[in-house]
Amino acid sequence: MSDKVSLWQAIKDNWGQLTAIAAGLVIAHLFVMSVMVDRSVTTALASQDIATDAKIISMDDEIDENGAVGRANKDNIEDNERRVEQAFAVLLGRDPDEDP
């Protein structure tokens, strides 16, 4: 008999080791693909120039400005209310500086 073993017989004898090697290769391939996709997504997002920090800071500045404008508007409204009350007092023949 010959000492040569057929390829089919070698596969049948070592199917467990071959399966483990194939599974290892698949897992390694999936890991490499995951890293490549993650890197591509990160690069694409970085190129979008979202600049969220700058937007948050500008929003905070706008809120501060609107707050100052709101306080100024409140003062103007109160001043206008006082003037309207004085006008009605004059129309009603009362002293405009006295409290109603």
N, C-alpha and C. Protein backbone atom coordinates (compact mmCIF):
# COMPACT_ATOMS: atom_id res chain seq x y z
N MET A 1 0.80 -1.18 0.00
CA MET A 1 0.00 0.00 0.00
C MET A 1 0.84 1.24 0.00
N SER A 2 0.25 2.25 -0.51
CA SER A 2 1.01 3.49 -0.61
C SER A 2 0.80 4.34 0.63
N ASP A 3 1.80 5.15 0.95
CA ASP A 3 1.72 6.01 2.12
C ASP A 3 0.98 7.32 1.83
N LYS A 4 0.63 7.54 0.59
CA LYS A 4 -0.07 8.77 0.22
C LYS A 4 -1.52 8.69 0.69
N VAL A 5 -2.01 9.84 1.18
CA VAL A 5 -3.40 9.93 1.62
C VAL A 5 -4.10 10.88 0.66
N SER A 6 -5.28 10.52 0.26
CA SER A 6 -6.02 11.38 -0.66
C SER A 6 -6.45 12.66 0.06
N LEU A 7 -6.64 13.67 -0.75
CA LEU A 7 -7.05 14.97 -0.20
C LEU A 7 -8.39 14.85 0.51
N TRP A 8 -9.29 14.11 -0.07
CA TRP A 8 -10.61 13.93 0.54
C TRP A 8 -10.50 13.24 1.89
N GLN A 9 -9.68 12.29 1.98
CA GLN A 9 -9.48 11.58 3.25
C GLN A 9 -8.85 12.51 4.28
N ALA A 10 -7.92 13.37 3.86
CA ALA A 10 -7.29 14.32 4.79
C ALA A 10 -8.32 15.33 5.31
N ILE A 11 -9.22 15.76 4.41
CA ILE A 11 -10.26 16.71 4.84
C ILE A 11 -11.20 16.03 5.83
N LYS A 12 -11.60 14.81 5.54
CA LYS A 12 -12.49 14.08 6.46
C LYS A 12 -11.82 13.85 7.80
N ASP A 13 -10.55 13.59 7.81
CA ASP A 13 -9.85 13.32 9.06
C ASP A 13 -9.64 14.60 9.89
N ASN A 14 -9.54 15.74 9.24
CA ASN A 14 -9.21 17.00 9.94
C ASN A 14 -10.30 18.06 9.79
N TRP A 15 -11.56 17.67 9.65
CA TRP A 15 -12.62 18.63 9.41
C TRP A 15 -12.80 19.59 10.58
N GLY A 16 -12.55 19.18 11.79
CA GLY A 16 -12.69 20.05 12.97
C GLY A 16 -11.69 21.19 12.93
N GLN A 17 -10.44 20.86 12.63
CA GLN A 17 -9.41 21.90 12.56
C GLN A 17 -9.68 22.86 11.40
N LEU A 18 -10.11 22.32 10.27
CA LEU A 18 -10.40 23.17 9.10
C LEU A 18 -11.58 24.10 9.39
N THR A 19 -12.59 23.58 10.09
CA THR A 19 -13.74 24.42 10.45
C THR A 19 -13.31 25.54 11.40
N ALA A 20 -12.46 25.23 12.36
CA ALA A 20 -11.98 26.24 13.30
C ALA A 20 -11.16 27.32 12.57
N ILE A 21 -10.33 26.90 11.65
CA ILE A 21 -9.54 27.86 10.87
C ILE A 21 -10.45 28.75 10.03
N ALA A 22 -11.46 28.16 9.38
CA ALA A 22 -12.39 28.93 8.55
C ALA A 22 -13.17 29.93 9.41
N ALA A 23 -13.62 29.49 10.59
CA ALA A 23 -14.34 30.40 11.49
C ALA A 23 -13.45 31.54 11.95
N GLY A 24 -12.21 31.23 12.25
CA GLY A 24 -11.26 32.28 12.64
C GLY A 24 -11.03 33.29 11.54
N LEU A 25 -10.92 32.81 10.31
CA LEU A 25 -10.74 33.72 9.17
C LEU A 25 -11.97 34.60 8.95
N VAL A 26 -13.16 34.04 9.10
CA VAL A 26 -14.38 34.83 8.95
C VAL A 26 -14.46 35.91 10.03
N ILE A 27 -14.16 35.55 11.26
CA ILE A 27 -14.19 36.52 12.36
C ILE A 27 -13.16 37.62 12.14
N ALA A 28 -11.98 37.26 11.70
CA ALA A 28 -10.94 38.26 11.43
C ALA A 28 -11.37 39.18 10.29
N HIS A 29 -11.98 38.62 9.27
CA HIS A 29 -12.47 39.43 8.14
C HIS A 29 -13.55 40.41 8.61
N LEU A 30 -14.49 39.94 9.40
CA LEU A 30 -15.55 40.81 9.91
C LEU A 30 -14.98 41.94 10.77
N PHE A 31 -13.98 41.64 11.58
CA PHE A 31 -13.36 42.66 12.42
C PHE A 31 -12.68 43.73 11.57
N VAL A 32 -11.93 43.27 10.57
CA VAL A 32 -11.24 44.22 9.69
C VAL A 32 -12.25 45.09 8.95
N MET A 33 -13.32 44.50 8.46
CA MET A 33 -14.35 45.27 7.75
C MET A 33 -15.03 46.28 8.69
N SER A 34 -15.28 45.88 9.94
CA SER A 34 -15.88 46.78 10.91
C SER A 34 -14.98 47.99 11.15
N VAL A 35 -13.70 47.75 11.29
CA VAL A 35 -12.75 48.85 11.50
C VAL A 35 -12.72 49.77 10.29
N MET A 36 -12.73 49.19 9.10
CA MET A 36 -12.70 50.01 7.88
C MET A 36 -13.97 50.85 7.74
N VAL A 37 -15.12 50.28 8.02
CA VAL A 37 -16.38 51.02 7.94
C VAL A 37 -16.39 52.13 8.99
N ASP A 38 -15.96 51.83 10.19
CA ASP A 38 -15.93 52.84 11.25
C ASP A 38 -15.03 54.00 10.86
N ARG A 39 -13.88 53.70 10.30
CA ARG A 39 -12.95 54.74 9.87
C ARG A 39 -13.56 55.59 8.75
N SER A 40 -14.25 54.94 7.82
CA SER A 40 -14.88 55.68 6.71
C SER A 40 -15.99 56.59 7.22
N VAL A 41 -16.79 56.10 8.14
CA VAL A 41 -17.88 56.92 8.70
C VAL A 41 -17.30 58.10 9.46
N THR A 42 -16.27 57.87 10.25
CA THR A 42 -15.64 58.95 11.00
C THR A 42 -15.08 60.01 10.07
N THR A 43 -14.44 59.59 9.01
CA THR A 43 -13.89 60.54 8.03
C THR A 43 -15.00 61.32 7.35
N ALA A 44 -16.08 60.64 6.98
CA ALA A 44 -17.19 61.32 6.30
C ALA A 44 -17.84 62.35 7.23
N LEU A 45 -18.03 61.99 8.49
CA LEU A 45 -18.64 62.94 9.43
C LEU A 45 -17.72 64.12 9.70
N ALA A 46 -16.42 63.86 9.76
CA ALA A 46 -15.47 64.95 10.00
C ALA A 46 -15.45 65.90 8.81
N SER A 47 -15.65 65.39 7.61
CA SER A 47 -15.63 66.26 6.43
C SER A 47 -16.90 67.10 6.32
N GLN A 48 -17.95 66.73 7.03
CA GLN A 48 -19.20 67.49 6.99
C GLN A 48 -19.09 68.82 7.72
N ASP A 49 -18.11 68.96 8.59
CA ASP A 49 -17.88 70.18 9.36
C ASP A 49 -19.15 70.58 10.12
N ILE A 50 -19.62 69.66 10.93
CA ILE A 50 -20.83 69.91 11.69
C ILE A 50 -20.59 71.00 12.73
N ALA A 51 -19.45 71.01 13.35
CA ALA A 51 -19.04 72.05 14.29
C ALA A 51 -20.09 72.26 15.38
N THR A 52 -20.43 71.20 16.06
CA THR A 52 -21.47 71.31 17.07
C THR A 52 -21.06 72.21 18.23
N ASP A 53 -19.80 72.19 18.61
CA ASP A 53 -19.36 73.05 19.71
C ASP A 53 -19.57 74.52 19.37
N ALA A 54 -19.23 74.91 18.16
CA ALA A 54 -19.40 76.30 17.75
C ALA A 54 -20.88 76.66 17.70
N LYS A 55 -21.71 75.73 17.26
CA LYS A 55 -23.15 76.00 17.21
C LYS A 55 -23.72 76.16 18.61
N ILE A 56 -23.29 75.33 19.53
CA ILE A 56 -23.77 75.43 20.91
C ILE A 56 -23.37 76.76 21.51
N ILE A 57 -22.13 77.18 21.28
CA ILE A 57 -21.66 78.45 21.82
C ILE A 57 -22.45 79.61 21.21
N SER A 58 -22.69 79.57 19.89
CA SER A 58 -23.45 80.65 19.26
C SER A 58 -24.89 80.67 19.76
N MET A 59 -25.46 79.48 20.01
CA MET A 59 -26.81 79.43 20.56
C MET A 59 -26.85 80.04 21.96
N ASP A 60 -25.85 79.75 22.77
CA ASP A 60 -25.78 80.33 24.10
C ASP A 60 -25.67 81.85 24.02
N ASP A 61 -24.86 82.34 23.08
CA ASP A 61 -24.73 83.78 22.90
C ASP A 61 -26.06 84.40 22.49
N GLU A 62 -26.78 83.74 21.56
CA GLU A 62 -28.07 84.25 21.12
C GLU A 62 -29.07 84.26 22.27
N ILE A 63 -29.04 83.24 23.10
CA ILE A 63 -29.95 83.20 24.26
C ILE A 63 -29.64 84.35 25.20
N ASP A 64 -28.34 84.60 25.44
CA ASP A 64 -27.96 85.72 26.29
C ASP A 64 -28.41 87.05 25.70
N GLU A 65 -28.22 87.21 24.38
CA GLU A 65 -28.64 88.45 23.73
C GLU A 65 -30.15 88.60 23.80
N ASN A 66 -30.88 87.51 23.54
CA ASN A 66 -32.34 87.59 23.61
C ASN A 66 -32.81 87.88 25.02
N GLY A 67 -32.10 87.37 26.00
CA GLY A 67 -32.46 87.67 27.39
C GLY A 67 -32.29 89.15 27.68
N ALA A 68 -31.21 89.73 27.18
CA ALA A 68 -30.98 91.17 27.38
C ALA A 68 -32.03 91.97 26.64
N VAL A 69 -32.38 91.55 25.42
CA VAL A 69 -33.41 92.24 24.65
C VAL A 69 -34.75 92.09 25.36
N GLY A 70 -35.01 90.90 25.89
CA GLY A 70 -36.26 90.68 26.61
C GLY A 70 -36.38 91.57 27.83
N ARG A 71 -35.28 91.73 28.57
CA ARG A 71 -35.31 92.62 29.74
C ARG A 71 -35.54 94.06 29.30
N ALA A 72 -34.90 94.47 28.20
CA ALA A 72 -35.10 95.83 27.69
C ALA A 72 -36.54 96.01 27.23
N ASN A 73 -37.10 95.00 26.57
CA ASN A 73 -38.50 95.09 26.14
C ASN A 73 -39.43 95.18 27.34
N LYS A 74 -39.14 94.43 28.38
CA LYS A 74 -39.98 94.49 29.58
C LYS A 74 -39.96 95.89 30.17
N ASP A 75 -38.77 96.50 30.20
CA ASP A 75 -38.67 97.88 30.71
C ASP A 75 -39.47 98.83 29.82
N ASN A 76 -39.38 98.65 28.50
CA ASN A 76 -40.13 99.51 27.57
C ASN A 76 -41.63 99.33 27.76
N ILE A 77 -42.06 98.10 27.94
CA ILE A 77 -43.49 97.82 28.13
C ILE A 77 -43.98 98.48 29.41
N GLU A 78 -43.21 98.34 30.48
CA GLU A 78 -43.63 98.96 31.74
C GLU A 78 -43.67 100.48 31.61
N ASP A 79 -42.69 101.06 30.89
CA ASP A 79 -42.67 102.50 30.67
C ASP A 79 -43.88 102.92 29.85
N ASN A 80 -44.21 102.15 28.81
CA ASN A 80 -45.38 102.47 27.98
C ASN A 80 -46.67 102.35 28.79
N GLU A 81 -46.77 101.34 29.65
CA GLU A 81 -47.96 101.20 30.48
C GLU A 81 -48.12 102.41 31.39
N ARG A 82 -47.01 102.89 31.95
CA ARG A 82 -47.06 104.06 32.82
C ARG A 82 -47.54 105.28 32.04
N ARG A 83 -47.07 105.44 30.81
CA ARG A 83 -47.48 106.58 29.99
C ARG A 83 -48.94 106.49 29.60
N VAL A 84 -49.43 105.28 29.31
CA VAL A 84 -50.84 105.11 28.98
C VAL A 84 -51.70 105.46 30.19
N GLU A 85 -51.28 105.01 31.36
CA GLU A 85 -52.03 105.34 32.59
C GLU A 85 -52.05 106.85 32.82
N GLN A 86 -50.93 107.52 32.56
CA GLN A 86 -50.89 108.98 32.72
C GLN A 86 -51.81 109.65 31.69
N ALA A 87 -51.84 109.13 30.46
CA ALA A 87 -52.71 109.72 29.44
C ALA A 87 -54.18 109.58 29.83
N PHE A 88 -54.56 108.41 30.34
CA PHE A 88 -55.95 108.23 30.77
C PHE A 88 -56.26 109.12 31.97
N ALA A 89 -55.29 109.30 32.84
CA ALA A 89 -55.51 110.17 33.99
C ALA A 89 -55.78 111.60 33.53
N VAL A 90 -55.02 112.05 32.54
CA VAL A 90 -55.23 113.41 32.01
C VAL A 90 -56.61 113.49 31.36
N LEU A 91 -56.99 112.45 30.59
CA LEU A 91 -58.30 112.45 29.94
C LEU A 91 -59.43 112.45 30.96
N LEU A 92 -59.21 111.81 32.09
CA LEU A 92 -60.24 111.74 33.12
C LEU A 92 -60.18 112.95 34.06
N GLY A 93 -59.24 113.83 33.84
CA GLY A 93 -59.15 115.05 34.62
C GLY A 93 -58.44 114.87 35.95
N ARG A 94 -57.67 113.85 36.08
CA ARG A 94 -56.91 113.63 37.33
C ARG A 94 -55.48 114.05 37.12
N ASP A 95 -54.76 114.13 38.24
CA ASP A 95 -53.35 114.44 38.17
C ASP A 95 -52.61 113.22 37.64
N PRO A 96 -51.80 113.33 36.55
CA PRO A 96 -51.16 112.15 35.96
C PRO A 96 -50.08 111.52 36.84
N ASP A 97 -49.56 112.25 37.82
CA ASP A 97 -48.48 111.71 38.64
C ASP A 97 -49.00 110.96 39.88
N GLU A 98 -50.28 111.06 40.18
CA GLU A 98 -50.78 110.35 41.36
C GLU A 98 -51.12 108.92 41.00
N ASP A 99 -51.05 108.05 42.01
CA ASP A 99 -51.38 106.64 41.79
C ASP A 99 -52.89 106.47 41.74
N PRO A 100 -53.39 105.66 40.81
CA PRO A 100 -54.85 105.47 40.70
C PRO A 100 -55.44 104.73 41.87
